[in-house]
Amino acid sequence: MIEKKSAMQNLDEILSVEGVDMVQFGPSDYSISIGKPGQAGNPDVQNAEIEMVKRALKKGIQPRLKPTTWKKAKKFTDMGVRHMCIGTDLGTIGEWCKQQTKGGIASLLKSL
């Protein structure tokens, strides 16, 4: 888990540890560690997550993410991320369905 400012500062060393084959960013805990509690959407937090993803992929280590929107999931899959949290995935897919149907899953099912 990369969830502290110190973990980002030492990310290259963490990614170089033999046996590390996946990392995950923790935006809520990271926001606390940089003095911005409850601000997981803050640009400083979001930029740190993107930086972690880029550096992990460059080292050949897969990041695991919990995207909260379809747009964010797409952005990260386009970067090469292949592992995402299933519970969050389902919420992201549901959010996408709502956007597509303007009425959610029930409207989608009624239209079939």
PDB file of N, CA and C in Angstrom:
ATOM      1  N   MET A   1       0.846  -1.182   0.000  1.00  0.00           N
ATOM      2  CA  MET A   1       0.000   0.000   0.000  1.00  0.00           C
ATOM      3  C   MET A   1       0.885   1.237   0.000  1.00  0.00           C
ATOM      4  N   ILE A   2       0.619   2.073  -0.965  1.00  0.00           N
ATOM      5  CA  ILE A   2       1.287   3.369  -1.031  1.00  0.00           C
ATOM      6  C   ILE A   2       0.264   4.378  -0.532  1.00  0.00           C
ATOM      7  N   GLU A   3       0.353   4.686   0.761  1.00  0.00           N
ATOM      8  CA  GLU A   3      -0.663   5.535   1.360  1.00  0.00           C
ATOM      9  C   GLU A   3      -0.086   6.602   2.289  1.00  0.00           C
ATOM     10  N   LYS A   4       1.202   6.760   2.253  1.00  0.00           N
ATOM     11  CA  LYS A   4       1.860   7.783   3.070  1.00  0.00           C
ATOM     12  C   LYS A   4       2.792   8.599   2.185  1.00  0.00           C
ATOM     13  N   LYS A   5       2.991   9.853   2.564  1.00  0.00           N
ATOM     14  CA  LYS A   5       3.913  10.723   1.839  1.00  0.00           C
ATOM     15  C   LYS A   5       5.302  10.079   1.766  1.00  0.00           C
ATOM     16  N   SER A   6       5.728   9.471   2.854  1.00  0.00           N
ATOM     17  CA  SER A   6       7.049   8.834   2.881  1.00  0.00           C
ATOM     18  C   SER A   6       7.139   7.664   1.906  1.00  0.00           C
ATOM     19  N   ALA A   7       6.030   6.970   1.676  1.00  0.00           N
ATOM     20  CA  ALA A   7       6.037   5.870   0.707  1.00  0.00           C
ATOM     21  C   ALA A   7       6.241   6.415  -0.708  1.00  0.00           C
ATOM     22  N   MET A   8       5.616   7.536  -1.025  1.00  0.00           N
ATOM     23  CA  MET A   8       5.838   8.147  -2.342  1.00  0.00           C
ATOM     24  C   MET A   8       7.277   8.647  -2.468  1.00  0.00           C
ATOM     25  N   GLN A   9       7.817   9.191  -1.383  1.00  0.00           N
ATOM     26  CA  GLN A   9       9.198   9.683  -1.422  1.00  0.00           C
ATOM     27  C   GLN A   9      10.192   8.538  -1.615  1.00  0.00           C
ATOM     28  N   ASN A  10       9.812   7.335  -1.183  1.00  0.00           N
ATOM     29  CA  ASN A  10      10.685   6.161  -1.291  1.00  0.00           C
ATOM     30  C   ASN A  10      10.161   5.141  -2.303  1.00  0.00           C
ATOM     31  N   LEU A  11       9.335   5.591  -3.214  1.00  0.00           N
ATOM     32  CA  LEU A  11       8.660   4.661  -4.129  1.00  0.00           C
ATOM     33  C   LEU A  11       9.633   3.842  -4.964  1.00  0.00           C
ATOM     34  N   ASP A  12      10.681   4.453  -5.486  1.00  0.00           N
ATOM     35  CA  ASP A  12      11.621   3.694  -6.310  1.00  0.00           C
ATOM     36  C   ASP A  12      12.260   2.557  -5.519  1.00  0.00           C
ATOM     37  N   GLU A  13      12.587   2.819  -4.262  1.00  0.00           N
ATOM     38  CA  GLU A  13      13.162   1.768  -3.415  1.00  0.00           C
ATOM     39  C   GLU A  13      12.132   0.675  -3.142  1.00  0.00           C
ATOM     40  N   ILE A  14      10.891   1.061  -2.893  1.00  0.00           N
ATOM     41  CA  ILE A  14       9.824   0.075  -2.651  1.00  0.00           C
ATOM     42  C   ILE A  14       9.615  -0.790  -3.887  1.00  0.00           C
ATOM     43  N   LEU A  15       9.588  -0.154  -5.047  1.00  0.00           N
ATOM     44  CA  LEU A  15       9.368  -0.896  -6.296  1.00  0.00           C
ATOM     45  C   LEU A  15      10.546  -1.798  -6.660  1.00  0.00           C
ATOM     46  N   SER A  16      11.697  -1.565  -6.032  1.00  0.00           N
ATOM     47  CA  SER A  16      12.887  -2.366  -6.309  1.00  0.00           C
ATOM     48  C   SER A  16      13.038  -3.564  -5.376  1.00  0.00           C
ATOM     49  N   VAL A  17      12.168  -3.675  -4.384  1.00  0.00           N
ATOM     50  CA  VAL A  17      12.247  -4.798  -3.451  1.00  0.00           C
ATOM     51  C   VAL A  17      11.861  -6.084  -4.185  1.00  0.00           C
ATOM     52  N   GLU A  18      12.737  -7.073  -4.106  1.00  0.00           N
ATOM     53  CA  GLU A  18      12.464  -8.348  -4.759  1.00  0.00           C
ATOM     54  C   GLU A  18      11.188  -8.967  -4.194  1.00  0.00           C
ATOM     55  N   GLY A  19      10.311  -9.425  -5.067  1.00  0.00           N
ATOM     56  CA  GLY A  19       9.067 -10.059  -4.657  1.00  0.00           C
ATOM     57  C   GLY A  19       7.868  -9.129  -4.690  1.00  0.00           C
ATOM     58  N   VAL A  20       8.092  -7.828  -4.772  1.00  0.00           N
ATOM     59  CA  VAL A  20       6.967  -6.892  -4.895  1.00  0.00           C
ATOM     60  C   VAL A  20       6.467  -6.988  -6.329  1.00  0.00           C
ATOM     61  N   ASP A  21       5.224  -7.429  -6.486  1.00  0.00           N
ATOM     62  CA  ASP A  21       4.688  -7.569  -7.838  1.00  0.00           C
ATOM     63  C   ASP A  21       3.417  -6.757  -8.062  1.00  0.00           C
ATOM     64  N   MET A  22       2.974  -6.026  -7.023  1.00  0.00           N
ATOM     65  CA  MET A  22       1.796  -5.180  -7.163  1.00  0.00           C
ATOM     66  C   MET A  22       1.823  -4.126  -6.063  1.00  0.00           C
ATOM     67  N   VAL A  23       1.336  -2.939  -6.417  1.00  0.00           N
ATOM     68  CA  VAL A  23       1.194  -1.872  -5.428  1.00  0.00           C
ATOM     69  C   VAL A  23      -0.201  -1.274  -5.558  1.00  0.00           C
ATOM     70  N   GLN A  24      -0.680  -0.700  -4.477  1.00  0.00           N
ATOM     71  CA  GLN A  24      -1.986  -0.047  -4.491  1.00  0.00           C
ATOM     72  C   GLN A  24      -1.859   1.292  -3.795  1.00  0.00           C
ATOM     73  N   PHE A  25      -2.473   2.309  -4.387  1.00  0.00           N
ATOM     74  CA  PHE A  25      -2.466   3.648  -3.819  1.00  0.00           C
ATOM     75  C   PHE A  25      -3.656   3.787  -2.883  1.00  0.00           C
ATOM     76  N   GLY A  26      -3.431   4.431  -1.749  1.00  0.00           N
ATOM     77  CA  GLY A  26      -4.499   4.679  -0.778  1.00  0.00           C
ATOM     78  C   GLY A  26      -4.756   6.176  -0.681  1.00  0.00           C
ATOM     79  N   PRO A  27      -5.676   6.717  -1.503  1.00  0.00           N
ATOM     80  CA  PRO A  27      -5.872   8.165  -1.537  1.00  0.00           C
ATOM     81  C   PRO A  27      -6.350   8.776  -0.220  1.00  0.00           C
ATOM     82  N   SER A  28      -7.183   8.095   0.517  1.00  0.00           N
ATOM     83  CA  SER A  28      -7.678   8.669   1.778  1.00  0.00           C
ATOM     84  C   SER A  28      -6.556   8.805   2.799  1.00  0.00           C
ATOM     85  N   ASP A  29      -5.796   7.736   2.998  1.00  0.00           N
ATOM     86  CA  ASP A  29      -4.685   7.797   3.943  1.00  0.00           C
ATOM     87  C   ASP A  29      -3.597   8.742   3.450  1.00  0.00           C
ATOM     88  N   TYR A  30      -3.353   8.744   2.135  1.00  0.00           N
ATOM     89  CA  TYR A  30      -2.349   9.653   1.589  1.00  0.00           C
ATOM     90  C   TYR A  30      -2.748  11.112   1.854  1.00  0.00           C
ATOM     91  N   SER A  31      -4.034  11.416   1.673  1.00  0.00           N
ATOM     92  CA  SER A  31      -4.485  12.798   1.909  1.00  0.00           C
ATOM     93  C   SER A  31      -4.220  13.218   3.355  1.00  0.00           C
ATOM     94  N   ILE A  32      -4.392  12.300   4.286  1.00  0.00           N
ATOM     95  CA  ILE A  32      -4.107  12.594   5.699  1.00  0.00           C
ATOM     96  C   ILE A  32      -2.616  12.854   5.884  1.00  0.00           C
ATOM     97  N   SER A  33      -1.780  12.031   5.234  1.00  0.00           N
ATOM     98  CA  SER A  33      -0.334  12.140   5.441  1.00  0.00           C
ATOM     99  C   SER A  33       0.252  13.421   4.859  1.00  0.00           C
ATOM    100  N   ILE A  34      -0.470  14.079   3.934  1.00  0.00           N
ATOM    101  CA  ILE A  34       0.032  15.342   3.385  1.00  0.00           C
ATOM    102  C   ILE A  34      -0.713  16.548   3.973  1.00  0.00           C
ATOM    103  N   GLY A  35      -1.483  16.293   5.037  1.00  0.00           N
ATOM    104  CA  GLY A  35      -2.159  17.381   5.728  1.00  0.00           C
ATOM    105  C   GLY A  35      -3.441  17.853   5.073  1.00  0.00           C
ATOM    106  N   LYS A  36      -4.051  16.973   4.265  1.00  0.00           N
ATOM    107  CA  LYS A  36      -5.307  17.325   3.600  1.00  0.00           C
ATOM    108  C   LYS A  36      -6.339  16.210   3.836  1.00  0.00           C
ATOM    109  N   PRO A  37      -6.656  15.955   5.112  1.00  0.00           N
ATOM    110  CA  PRO A  37      -7.562  14.845   5.424  1.00  0.00           C
ATOM    111  C   PRO A  37      -8.918  14.999   4.741  1.00  0.00           C
ATOM    112  N   GLY A  38      -9.430  13.880   4.252  1.00  0.00           N
ATOM    113  CA  GLY A  38     -10.746  13.866   3.618  1.00  0.00           C
ATOM    114  C   GLY A  38     -10.762  14.449   2.221  1.00  0.00           C
ATOM    115  N   GLN A  39      -9.600  14.688   1.661  1.00  0.00           N
ATOM    116  CA  GLN A  39      -9.524  15.306   0.338  1.00  0.00           C
ATOM    117  C   GLN A  39      -8.891  14.365  -0.685  1.00  0.00           C
ATOM    118  N   ALA A  40      -9.434  13.165  -0.804  1.00  0.00           N
ATOM    119  CA  ALA A  40      -8.895  12.192  -1.754  1.00  0.00           C
ATOM    120  C   ALA A  40      -8.958  12.701  -3.192  1.00  0.00           C
ATOM    121  N   GLY A  41      -9.873  13.622  -3.462  1.00  0.00           N
ATOM    122  CA  GLY A  41      -9.989  14.184  -4.805  1.00  0.00           C
ATOM    123  C   GLY A  41      -9.103  15.395  -5.035  1.00  0.00           C
ATOM    124  N   ASN A  42      -8.333  15.804  -4.038  1.00  0.00           N
ATOM    125  CA  ASN A  42      -7.445  16.950  -4.169  1.00  0.00           C
ATOM    126  C   ASN A  42      -6.417  16.693  -5.277  1.00  0.00           C
ATOM    127  N   PRO A  43      -6.104  17.705  -6.084  1.00  0.00           N
ATOM    128  CA  PRO A  43      -5.130  17.518  -7.170  1.00  0.00           C
ATOM    129  C   PRO A  43      -3.782  16.957  -6.703  1.00  0.00           C
ATOM    130  N   ASP A  44      -3.321  17.336  -5.505  1.00  0.00           N
ATOM    131  CA  ASP A  44      -2.054  16.791  -5.003  1.00  0.00           C
ATOM    132  C   ASP A  44      -2.146  15.285  -4.795  1.00  0.00           C
ATOM    133  N   VAL A  45      -3.277  14.824  -4.321  1.00  0.00           N
ATOM    134  CA  VAL A  45      -3.498  13.390  -4.098  1.00  0.00           C
ATOM    135  C   VAL A  45      -3.643  12.675  -5.438  1.00  0.00           C
ATOM    136  N   GLN A  46      -4.453  13.229  -6.313  1.00  0.00           N
ATOM    137  CA  GLN A  46      -4.667  12.622  -7.631  1.00  0.00           C
ATOM    138  C   GLN A  46      -3.364  12.546  -8.427  1.00  0.00           C
ATOM    139  N   ASN A  47      -2.562  13.601  -8.364  1.00  0.00           N
ATOM    140  CA  ASN A  47      -1.284  13.605  -9.077  1.00  0.00           C
ATOM    141  C   ASN A  47      -0.318  12.565  -8.513  1.00  0.00           C
ATOM    142  N   ALA A  48      -0.341  12.375  -7.197  1.00  0.00           N
ATOM    143  CA  ALA A  48       0.508  11.353  -6.584  1.00  0.00           C
ATOM    144  C   ALA A  48       0.088   9.963  -7.057  1.00  0.00           C
ATOM    145  N   GLU A  49      -1.222   9.725  -7.160  1.00  0.00           N
ATOM    146  CA  GLU A  49      -1.700   8.424  -7.644  1.00  0.00           C
ATOM    147  C   GLU A  49      -1.236   8.180  -9.079  1.00  0.00           C
ATOM    148  N   ILE A  50      -1.375   9.181  -9.926  1.00  0.00           N
ATOM    149  CA  ILE A  50      -0.931   9.046 -11.321  1.00  0.00           C
ATOM    150  C   ILE A  50       0.572   8.791 -11.377  1.00  0.00           C
ATOM    151  N   GLU A  51       1.325   9.511 -10.564  1.00  0.00           N
ATOM    152  CA  GLU A  51       2.776   9.322 -10.527  1.00  0.00           C
ATOM    153  C   GLU A  51       3.133   7.907 -10.069  1.00  0.00           C
ATOM    154  N   MET A  52       2.428   7.397  -9.053  1.00  0.00           N
ATOM    155  CA  MET A  52       2.683   6.037  -8.588  1.00  0.00           C
ATOM    156  C   MET A  52       2.428   5.034  -9.709  1.00  0.00           C
ATOM    157  N   VAL A  53       1.320   5.214 -10.427  1.00  0.00           N
ATOM    158  CA  VAL A  53       0.973   4.310 -11.524  1.00  0.00           C
ATOM    159  C   VAL A  53       2.063   4.330 -12.593  1.00  0.00           C
ATOM    160  N   LYS A  54       2.462   5.504 -13.018  1.00  0.00           N
ATOM    161  CA  LYS A  54       3.484   5.616 -14.066  1.00  0.00           C
ATOM    162  C   LYS A  54       4.792   4.951 -13.658  1.00  0.00           C
ATOM    163  N   ARG A  55       5.219   5.224 -12.432  1.00  0.00           N
ATOM    164  CA  ARG A  55       6.497   4.683 -11.974  1.00  0.00           C
ATOM    165  C   ARG A  55       6.432   3.171 -11.786  1.00  0.00           C
ATOM    166  N   ALA A  56       5.309   2.670 -11.279  1.00  0.00           N
ATOM    167  CA  ALA A  56       5.160   1.219 -11.108  1.00  0.00           C
ATOM    168  C   ALA A  56       5.177   0.525 -12.468  1.00  0.00           C
ATOM    169  N   LEU A  57       4.402   1.031 -13.406  1.00  0.00           N
ATOM    170  CA  LEU A  57       4.354   0.416 -14.735  1.00  0.00           C
ATOM    171  C   LEU A  57       5.721   0.450 -15.408  1.00  0.00           C
ATOM    172  N   LYS A  58       6.450   1.537 -15.229  1.00  0.00           N
ATOM    173  CA  LYS A  58       7.793   1.653 -15.811  1.00  0.00           C
ATOM    174  C   LYS A  58       8.721   0.571 -15.265  1.00  0.00           C
ATOM    175  N   LYS A  59       8.515   0.211 -13.999  1.00  0.00           N
ATOM    176  CA  LYS A  59       9.334  -0.839 -13.358  1.00  0.00           C
ATOM    177  C   LYS A  59       8.794  -2.249 -13.629  1.00  0.00           C
ATOM    178  N   GLY A  60       7.658  -2.331 -14.348  1.00  0.00           N
ATOM    179  CA  GLY A  60       7.084  -3.641 -14.634  1.00  0.00           C
ATOM    180  C   GLY A  60       6.244  -4.199 -13.501  1.00  0.00           C
ATOM    181  N   ILE A  61       5.811  -3.337 -12.599  1.00  0.00           N
ATOM    182  CA  ILE A  61       4.995  -3.752 -11.464  1.00  0.00           C
ATOM    183  C   ILE A  61       3.587  -3.209 -11.668  1.00  0.00           C
ATOM    184  N   GLN A  62       2.604  -4.094 -11.555  1.00  0.00           N
ATOM    185  CA  GLN A  62       1.231  -3.684 -11.782  1.00  0.00           C
ATOM    186  C   GLN A  62       0.652  -2.945 -10.576  1.00  0.00           C
ATOM    187  N   PRO A  63       0.032  -1.798 -10.822  1.00  0.00           N
ATOM    188  CA  PRO A  63      -0.726  -1.133  -9.766  1.00  0.00           C
ATOM    189  C   PRO A  63      -2.144  -1.693  -9.709  1.00  0.00           C
ATOM    190  N   ARG A  64      -2.728  -1.662  -8.542  1.00  0.00           N
ATOM    191  CA  ARG A  64      -4.134  -2.039  -8.358  1.00  0.00           C
ATOM    192  C   ARG A  64      -4.849  -0.785  -7.888  1.00  0.00           C
ATOM    193  N   LEU A  65      -5.946  -0.460  -8.533  1.00  0.00           N
ATOM    194  CA  LEU A  65      -6.631   0.791  -8.235  1.00  0.00           C
ATOM    195  C   LEU A  65      -8.083   0.569  -7.879  1.00  0.00           C
ATOM    196  N   LYS A  66      -8.677   1.606  -7.296  1.00  0.00           N
ATOM    197  CA  LYS A  66     -10.100   1.610  -6.979  1.00  0.00           C
ATOM    198  C   LYS A  66     -10.718   2.849  -7.627  1.00  0.00           C
ATOM    199  N   PRO A  67     -10.924   2.817  -8.942  1.00  0.00           N
ATOM    200  CA  PRO A  67     -11.484   4.002  -9.600  1.00  0.00           C
ATOM    201  C   PRO A  67     -12.920   4.231  -9.151  1.00  0.00           C
ATOM    202  N   THR A  68     -13.285   5.493  -9.034  1.00  0.00           N
ATOM    203  CA  THR A  68     -14.623   5.829  -8.562  1.00  0.00           C
ATOM    204  C   THR A  68     -15.542   6.300  -9.683  1.00  0.00           C
ATOM    205  N   THR A  69     -14.996   6.460 -10.872  1.00  0.00           N
ATOM    206  CA  THR A  69     -15.816   6.838 -12.020  1.00  0.00           C
ATOM    207  C   THR A  69     -15.369   6.038 -13.235  1.00  0.00           C
ATOM    208  N   TRP A  70     -16.282   5.935 -14.191  1.00  0.00           N
ATOM    209  CA  TRP A  70     -15.974   5.239 -15.436  1.00  0.00           C
ATOM    210  C   TRP A  70     -14.833   5.952 -16.165  1.00  0.00           C
ATOM    211  N   LYS A  71     -14.856   7.264 -16.164  1.00  0.00           N
ATOM    212  CA  LYS A  71     -13.828   8.067 -16.837  1.00  0.00           C
ATOM    213  C   LYS A  71     -12.445   7.794 -16.238  1.00  0.00           C
ATOM    214  N   LYS A  72     -12.385   7.712 -14.917  1.00  0.00           N
ATOM    215  CA  LYS A  72     -11.106   7.444 -14.253  1.00  0.00           C
ATOM    216  C   LYS A  72     -10.626   6.021 -14.555  1.00  0.00           C
ATOM    217  N   ALA A  73     -11.538   5.067 -14.562  1.00  0.00           N
ATOM    218  CA  ALA A  73     -11.167   3.687 -14.898  1.00  0.00           C
ATOM    219  C   ALA A  73     -10.595   3.629 -16.305  1.00  0.00           C
ATOM    220  N   LYS A  74     -11.242   4.297 -17.235  1.00  0.00           N
ATOM    221  CA  LYS A  74     -10.785   4.311 -18.633  1.00  0.00           C
ATOM    222  C   LYS A  74      -9.403   4.938 -18.735  1.00  0.00           C
ATOM    223  N   LYS A  75      -9.201   6.054 -18.036  1.00  0.00           N
ATOM    224  CA  LYS A  75      -7.899   6.728 -18.060  1.00  0.00           C
ATOM    225  C   LYS A  75      -6.791   5.771 -17.619  1.00  0.00           C
ATOM    226  N   PHE A  76      -7.048   5.035 -16.542  1.00  0.00           N
ATOM    227  CA  PHE A  76      -6.020   4.136 -16.027  1.00  0.00           C
ATOM    228  C   PHE A  76      -5.852   2.883 -16.889  1.00  0.00           C
ATOM    229  N   THR A  77      -6.922   2.355 -17.441  1.00  0.00           N
ATOM    230  CA  THR A  77      -6.740   1.208 -18.343  1.00  0.00           C
ATOM    231  C   THR A  77      -5.976   1.639 -19.589  1.00  0.00           C
ATOM    232  N   ASP A  78      -6.212   2.850 -20.051  1.00  0.00           N
ATOM    233  CA  ASP A  78      -5.449   3.371 -21.191  1.00  0.00           C
ATOM    234  C   ASP A  78      -3.963   3.496 -20.870  1.00  0.00           C
ATOM    235  N   MET A  79      -3.650   3.701 -19.590  1.00  0.00           N
ATOM    236  CA  MET A  79      -2.248   3.790 -19.161  1.00  0.00           C
ATOM    237  C   MET A  79      -1.608   2.411 -19.036  1.00  0.00           C
ATOM    238  N   GLY A  80      -2.446   1.353 -18.978  1.00  0.00           N
ATOM    239  CA  GLY A  80      -1.912   0.008 -18.851  1.00  0.00           C
ATOM    240  C   GLY A  80      -2.275  -0.711 -17.571  1.00  0.00           C
ATOM    241  N   VAL A  81      -3.084  -0.096 -16.730  1.00  0.00           N
ATOM    242  CA  VAL A  81      -3.512  -0.728 -15.480  1.00  0.00           C
ATOM    243  C   VAL A  81      -4.513  -1.836 -15.805  1.00  0.00           C
ATOM    244  N   ARG A  82      -4.326  -3.001 -15.210  1.00  0.00           N
ATOM    245  CA  ARG A  82      -5.195  -4.146 -15.479  1.00  0.00           C
ATOM    246  C   ARG A  82      -5.857  -4.718 -14.230  1.00  0.00           C
ATOM    247  N   HIS A  83      -5.571  -4.148 -13.073  1.00  0.00           N
ATOM    248  CA  HIS A  83      -6.105  -4.679 -11.824  1.00  0.00           C
ATOM    249  C   HIS A  83      -6.832  -3.585 -11.066  1.00  0.00           C
ATOM    250  N   MET A  84      -8.125  -3.818 -10.851  1.00  0.00           N
ATOM    251  CA  MET A  84      -8.935  -2.847 -10.128  1.00  0.00           C
ATOM    252  C   MET A  84      -9.819  -3.571  -9.119  1.00  0.00           C
ATOM    253  N   CYS A  85     -10.190  -2.883  -8.071  1.00  0.00           N
ATOM    254  CA  CYS A  85     -10.998  -3.442  -6.996  1.00  0.00           C
ATOM    255  C   CYS A  85     -12.394  -3.769  -7.511  1.00  0.00           C
ATOM    256  N   ILE A  86     -12.852  -5.015  -7.277  1.00  0.00           N
ATOM    257  CA  ILE A  86     -14.137  -5.475  -7.807  1.00  0.00           C
ATOM    258  C   ILE A  86     -15.320  -4.692  -7.260  1.00  0.00           C
ATOM    259  N   GLY A  87     -15.371  -4.431  -5.976  1.00  0.00           N
ATOM    260  CA  GLY A  87     -16.499  -3.681  -5.433  1.00  0.00           C
ATOM    261  C   GLY A  87     -16.602  -2.310  -6.072  1.00  0.00           C
ATOM    262  N   THR A  88     -15.470  -1.677  -6.211  1.00  0.00           N
ATOM    263  CA  THR A  88     -15.443  -0.375  -6.861  1.00  0.00           C
ATOM    264  C   THR A  88     -15.792  -0.522  -8.333  1.00  0.00           C
ATOM    265  N   ASP A  89     -15.325  -1.602  -8.970  1.00  0.00           N
ATOM    266  CA  ASP A  89     -15.657  -1.833 -10.382  1.00  0.00           C
ATOM    267  C   ASP A  89     -17.161  -1.866 -10.582  1.00  0.00           C
ATOM    268  N   LEU A  90     -17.855  -2.586  -9.715  1.00  0.00           N
ATOM    269  CA  LEU A  90     -19.310  -2.695  -9.864  1.00  0.00           C
ATOM    270  C   LEU A  90     -19.991  -1.338  -9.697  1.00  0.00           C
ATOM    271  N   GLY A  91     -19.529  -0.556  -8.739  1.00  0.00           N
ATOM    272  CA  GLY A  91     -20.079   0.782  -8.562  1.00  0.00           C
ATOM    273  C   GLY A  91     -19.797   1.672  -9.765  1.00  0.00           C
ATOM    274  N   THR A  92     -18.602   1.527 -10.330  1.00  0.00           N
ATOM    275  CA  THR A  92     -18.228   2.312 -11.506  1.00  0.00           C
ATOM    276  C   THR A  92     -19.090   1.928 -12.706  1.00  0.00           C
ATOM    277  N   ILE A  93     -19.325   0.633 -12.892  1.00  0.00           N
ATOM    278  CA  ILE A  93     -20.179   0.175 -13.993  1.00  0.00           C
ATOM    279  C   ILE A  93     -21.609   0.663 -13.787  1.00  0.00           C
ATOM    280  N   GLY A  94     -22.093   0.604 -12.552  1.00  0.00           N
ATOM    281  CA  GLY A  94     -23.437   1.104 -12.254  1.00  0.00           C
ATOM    282  C   GLY A  94     -23.562   2.589 -12.538  1.00  0.00           C
ATOM    283  N   GLU A  95     -22.522   3.350 -12.182  1.00  0.00           N
ATOM    284  CA  GLU A  95     -22.518   4.787 -12.450  1.00  0.00           C
ATOM    285  C   GLU A  95     -22.564   5.046 -13.956  1.00  0.00           C
ATOM    286  N   TRP A  96     -21.823   4.259 -14.717  1.00  0.00           N
ATOM    287  CA  TRP A  96     -21.826   4.392 -16.184  1.00  0.00           C
ATOM    288  C   TRP A  96     -23.215   4.083 -16.744  1.00  0.00           C
ATOM    289  N   CYS A  97     -23.848   3.030 -16.231  1.00  0.00           N
ATOM    290  CA  CYS A  97     -25.204   2.682 -16.687  1.00  0.00           C
ATOM    291  C   CYS A  97     -26.183   3.823 -16.426  1.00  0.00           C
ATOM    292  N   LYS A  98     -26.076   4.435 -15.256  1.00  0.00           N
ATOM    293  CA  LYS A  98     -26.956   5.565 -14.941  1.00  0.00           C
ATOM    294  C   LYS A  98     -26.753   6.701 -15.931  1.00  0.00           C
ATOM    295  N   GLN A  99     -25.509   6.969 -16.267  1.00  0.00           N
ATOM    296  CA  GLN A  99     -25.222   8.038 -17.218  1.00  0.00           C
ATOM    297  C   GLN A  99     -25.805   7.712 -18.593  1.00  0.00           C
ATOM    298  N   GLN A 100     -25.764   6.449 -18.966  1.00  0.00           N
ATOM    299  CA  GLN A 100     -26.221   6.047 -20.291  1.00  0.00           C
ATOM    300  C   GLN A 100     -27.738   6.044 -20.401  1.00  0.00           C
ATOM    301  N   THR A 101     -28.402   5.763 -19.307  1.00  0.00           N
ATOM    302  CA  THR A 101     -29.856   5.591 -19.356  1.00  0.00           C
ATOM    303  C   THR A 101     -30.625   6.748 -18.755  1.00  0.00           C
ATOM    304  N   LYS A 102     -29.948   7.646 -18.105  1.00  0.00           N
ATOM    305  CA  LYS A 102     -30.582   8.788 -17.437  1.00  0.00           C
ATOM    306  C   LYS A 102     -31.607   8.347 -16.401  1.00  0.00           C
ATOM    307  N   GLY A 103     -31.640   7.065 -16.080  1.00  0.00           N
ATOM    308  CA  GLY A 103     -32.607   6.609 -15.102  1.00  0.00           C
ATOM    309  C   GLY A 103     -32.129   5.386 -14.348  1.00  0.00           C
ATOM    310  N   GLY A 104     -30.924   4.964 -14.603  1.00  0.00           N
ATOM    311  CA  GLY A 104     -30.352   3.846 -13.889  1.00  0.00           C
ATOM    312  C   GLY A 104     -30.678   2.498 -14.511  1.00  0.00           C
ATOM    313  N   ILE A 105     -30.336   1.477 -13.794  1.00  0.00           N
ATOM    314  CA  ILE A 105     -30.480   0.094 -14.242  1.00  0.00           C
ATOM    315  C   ILE A 105     -31.943  -0.240 -14.519  1.00  0.00           C
ATOM    316  N   ALA A 106     -32.856   0.205 -13.671  1.00  0.00           N
ATOM    317  CA  ALA A 106     -34.282  -0.113 -13.858  1.00  0.00           C
ATOM    318  C   ALA A 106     -34.766   0.387 -15.224  1.00  0.00           C
ATOM    319  N   SER A 107     -34.367   1.590 -15.584  1.00  0.00           N
ATOM    320  CA  SER A 107     -34.771   2.124 -16.900  1.00  0.00           C
ATOM    321  C   SER A 107     -34.143   1.311 -18.026  1.00  0.00           C
ATOM    322  N   LEU A 108     -32.895   0.917 -17.823  1.00  0.00           N
ATOM    323  CA  LEU A 108     -32.201   0.114 -18.836  1.00  0.00           C
ATOM    324  C   LEU A 108     -32.937  -1.215 -19.037  1.00  0.00           C
ATOM    325  N   LEU A 109     -33.286  -1.873 -17.929  1.00  0.00           N
ATOM    326  CA  LEU A 109     -33.976  -3.166 -18.033  1.00  0.00           C
ATOM    327  C   LEU A 109     -35.356  -3.033 -18.665  1.00  0.00           C
ATOM    328  N   LYS A 110     -36.063  -1.962 -18.354  1.00  0.00           N
ATOM    329  CA  LYS A 110     -37.382  -1.750 -18.944  1.00  0.00           C
ATOM    330  C   LYS A 110     -37.296  -1.550 -20.445  1.00  0.00           C
ATOM    331  N   SER A 111     -36.191  -1.004 -20.904  1.00  0.00           N
ATOM    332  CA  SER A 111     -36.066  -0.730 -22.343  1.00  0.00           C
ATOM    333  C   SER A 111     -35.709  -1.982 -23.149  1.00  0.00           C
ATOM    334  N   LEU A 112     -35.345  -3.067 -22.476  1.00  0.00           N
ATOM    335  CA  LEU A 112     -34.944  -4.291 -23.191  1.00  0.00           C
ATOM    336  C   LEU A 112     -36.109  -5.079 -23.706  1.00  0.00           C
TER     337      LEU A 112
END
